[in-house]
């Protein structure tokens, strides 16, 4: 029985790679800077995080929960704040009229 050849490279399919990236997370960062004669005209910092929702929340990232465009709960909270503010202004106006 001949010895089997062991390859250092393992084949990995796209699903395995995606699962690993979402489980661990990956950060891509870069800066774009426009200068003329050593004078900075524009600097753009680009940061991209790719991770699963669970991993992002584990890292303390949950901005989508406070975005009223993405979250119905956040929309209700925003409406509650506006409602309280309007009630307070109405009370102040009524107090001035009396």
C-alpha atoms as a PDB file:
ATOM      1  CA  UNK A   1       0.000   0.000   0.000  1.00  0.00           C
ATOM      2  CA  UNK A   2       1.720   3.187  -1.164  1.00  0.00           C
ATOM      3  CA  UNK A   3       1.982   6.244   1.089  1.00  0.00           C
ATOM      4  CA  UNK A   4      -0.581   8.921   0.366  1.00  0.00           C
ATOM      5  CA  UNK A   5       0.583  12.370  -0.653  1.00  0.00           C
ATOM      6  CA  UNK A   6      -0.515  15.061   1.787  1.00  0.00           C
ATOM      7  CA  UNK A   7      -1.292  18.440   0.242  1.00  0.00           C
ATOM      8  CA  UNK A   8      -0.672  21.627   2.207  1.00  0.00           C
ATOM      9  CA  UNK A   9      -3.529  23.389   0.424  1.00  0.00           C
ATOM     10  CA  UNK A  10      -7.044  22.406   1.449  1.00  0.00           C
ATOM     11  CA  UNK A  11      -9.921  23.153  -0.818  1.00  0.00           C
ATOM     12  CA  UNK A  12     -12.536  25.391   0.746  1.00  0.00           C
ATOM     13  CA  UNK A  13     -15.825  26.286  -0.829  1.00  0.00           C
ATOM     14  CA  UNK A  14     -17.415  29.730  -0.763  1.00  0.00           C
ATOM     15  CA  UNK A  15     -19.960  28.775   1.913  1.00  0.00           C
ATOM     16  CA  UNK A  16     -17.174  27.772   4.320  1.00  0.00           C
ATOM     17  CA  UNK A  17     -15.324  31.030   3.716  1.00  0.00           C
ATOM     18  CA  UNK A  18     -18.482  33.092   4.206  1.00  0.00           C
ATOM     19  CA  UNK A  19     -19.346  31.227   7.402  1.00  0.00           C
ATOM     20  CA  UNK A  20     -15.855  31.814   8.773  1.00  0.00           C
ATOM     21  CA  UNK A  21     -15.884  35.529   7.887  1.00  0.00           C
ATOM     22  CA  UNK A  22     -19.304  36.097   9.446  1.00  0.00           C
ATOM     23  CA  UNK A  23     -18.359  34.138  12.553  1.00  0.00           C
ATOM     24  CA  UNK A  24     -15.042  35.898  13.151  1.00  0.00           C
ATOM     25  CA  UNK A  25     -15.655  39.212  11.383  1.00  0.00           C
ATOM     26  CA  UNK A  26     -13.362  41.082   9.041  1.00  0.00           C
ATOM     27  CA  UNK A  27     -12.378  44.741   8.923  1.00  0.00           C
ATOM     28  CA  UNK A  28     -11.298  46.530   5.780  1.00  0.00           C
ATOM     29  CA  UNK A  29      -9.861  50.009   6.287  1.00  0.00           C
ATOM     30  CA  UNK A  30      -8.489  52.597   3.938  1.00  0.00           C
ATOM     31  CA  UNK A  31      -7.941  56.321   3.593  1.00  0.00           C
ATOM     32  CA  UNK A  32      -8.269  58.528   0.548  1.00  0.00           C
ATOM     33  CA  UNK A  33      -6.415  61.811   0.699  1.00  0.00           C
ATOM     34  CA  UNK A  34      -6.357  64.562  -1.924  1.00  0.00           C
ATOM     35  CA  UNK A  35      -3.500  67.040  -1.636  1.00  0.00           C
ATOM     36  CA  UNK A  36      -2.180  69.883  -3.713  1.00  0.00           C
ATOM     37  CA  UNK A  37       1.261  71.253  -2.843  1.00  0.00           C
ATOM     38  CA  UNK A  38       1.225  69.488   0.549  1.00  0.00           C
ATOM     39  CA  UNK A  39      -2.133  71.046   1.440  1.00  0.00           C
ATOM     40  CA  UNK A  40      -4.850  68.560   2.395  1.00  0.00           C
ATOM     41  CA  UNK A  41      -7.981  69.341   0.423  1.00  0.00           C
ATOM     42  CA  UNK A  42     -10.009  66.252   1.244  1.00  0.00           C
ATOM     43  CA  UNK A  43      -9.570  63.222   3.477  1.00  0.00           C
ATOM     44  CA  UNK A  44     -11.999  60.326   3.404  1.00  0.00           C
ATOM     45  CA  UNK A  45     -11.652  57.514   5.927  1.00  0.00           C
ATOM     46  CA  UNK A  46     -13.313  54.289   4.897  1.00  0.00           C
ATOM     47  CA  UNK A  47     -13.984  51.543   7.417  1.00  0.00           C
ATOM     48  CA  UNK A  48     -15.917  48.409   6.498  1.00  0.00           C
ATOM     49  CA  UNK A  49     -16.868  45.690   8.960  1.00  0.00           C
ATOM     50  CA  UNK A  50     -18.296  42.433   7.700  1.00  0.00           C
ATOM     51  CA  UNK A  51     -19.732  40.220  10.431  1.00  0.00           C
ATOM     52  CA  UNK A  52     -22.894  38.437  11.446  1.00  0.00           C
ATOM     53  CA  UNK A  53     -25.488  40.328  13.474  1.00  0.00           C
ATOM     54  CA  UNK A  54     -24.662  38.218  16.533  1.00  0.00           C
ATOM     55  CA  UNK A  55     -20.940  38.959  16.223  1.00  0.00           C
ATOM     56  CA  UNK A  56     -21.576  42.683  15.685  1.00  0.00           C
ATOM     57  CA  UNK A  57     -23.783  42.854  18.789  1.00  0.00           C
ATOM     58  CA  UNK A  58     -21.151  40.932  20.725  1.00  0.00           C
ATOM     59  CA  UNK A  59     -18.680  43.674  19.737  1.00  0.00           C
ATOM     60  CA  UNK A  60     -21.132  46.374  20.869  1.00  0.00           C
ATOM     61  CA  UNK A  61     -22.242  47.458  17.412  1.00  0.00           C
ATOM     62  CA  UNK A  62     -26.018  47.818  17.125  1.00  0.00           C
ATOM     63  CA  UNK A  63     -26.656  51.082  15.293  1.00  0.00           C
ATOM     64  CA  UNK A  64     -29.453  49.549  13.212  1.00  0.00           C
ATOM     65  CA  UNK A  65     -31.573  49.190  16.359  1.00  0.00           C
ATOM     66  CA  UNK A  66     -31.614  52.982  16.858  1.00  0.00           C
ATOM     67  CA  UNK A  67     -32.129  53.869  13.194  1.00  0.00           C
ATOM     68  CA  UNK A  68     -35.796  54.761  12.702  1.00  0.00           C
ATOM     69  CA  UNK A  69     -35.557  53.873   9.008  1.00  0.00           C
ATOM     70  CA  UNK A  70     -34.530  50.292   9.827  1.00  0.00           C
ATOM     71  CA  UNK A  71     -36.246  49.608  13.151  1.00  0.00           C
ATOM     72  CA  UNK A  72     -39.920  49.949  13.995  1.00  0.00           C
ATOM     73  CA  UNK A  73     -38.997  50.085  17.693  1.00  0.00           C
ATOM     74  CA  UNK A  74     -36.655  53.020  17.092  1.00  0.00           C
ATOM     75  CA  UNK A  75     -39.334  54.768  15.044  1.00  0.00           C
ATOM     76  CA  UNK A  76     -41.762  54.503  17.960  1.00  0.00           C
ATOM     77  CA  UNK A  77     -39.141  55.865  20.332  1.00  0.00           C
ATOM     78  CA  UNK A  78     -38.473  58.798  18.027  1.00  0.00           C
ATOM     79  CA  UNK A  79     -42.198  59.527  17.822  1.00  0.00           C
ATOM     80  CA  UNK A  80     -42.484  59.342  21.615  1.00  0.00           C
ATOM     81  CA  UNK A  81     -39.703  61.917  21.993  1.00  0.00           C
ATOM     82  CA  UNK A  82     -41.351  64.235  19.496  1.00  0.00           C
ATOM     83  CA  UNK A  83     -44.721  63.772  21.197  1.00  0.00           C
ATOM     84  CA  UNK A  84     -43.283  64.658  24.629  1.00  0.00           C
ATOM     85  CA  UNK A  85     -41.562  67.706  23.168  1.00  0.00           C
ATOM     86  CA  UNK A  86     -44.783  68.908  21.546  1.00  0.00           C
ATOM     87  CA  UNK A  87     -46.780  68.340  24.739  1.00  0.00           C
ATOM     88  CA  UNK A  88     -44.247  70.384  26.694  1.00  0.00           C
ATOM     89  CA  UNK A  89     -44.438  73.242  24.182  1.00  0.00           C
ATOM     90  CA  UNK A  90     -48.234  73.126  24.274  1.00  0.00           C
ATOM     91  CA  UNK A  91     -48.211  73.332  28.085  1.00  0.00           C
ATOM     92  CA  UNK A  92     -45.861  76.346  27.917  1.00  0.00           C
ATOM     93  CA  UNK A  93     -48.118  78.082  25.389  1.00  0.00           C
ATOM     94  CA  UNK A  94     -51.239  77.379  27.469  1.00  0.00           C
ATOM     95  CA  UNK A  95     -49.507  78.752  30.559  1.00  0.00           C
ATOM     96  CA  UNK A  96     -48.711  82.002  28.692  1.00  0.00           C
ATOM     97  CA  UNK A  97     -52.311  82.387  27.502  1.00  0.00           C
ATOM     98  CA  UNK A  98     -53.800  82.062  31.021  1.00  0.00           C
END
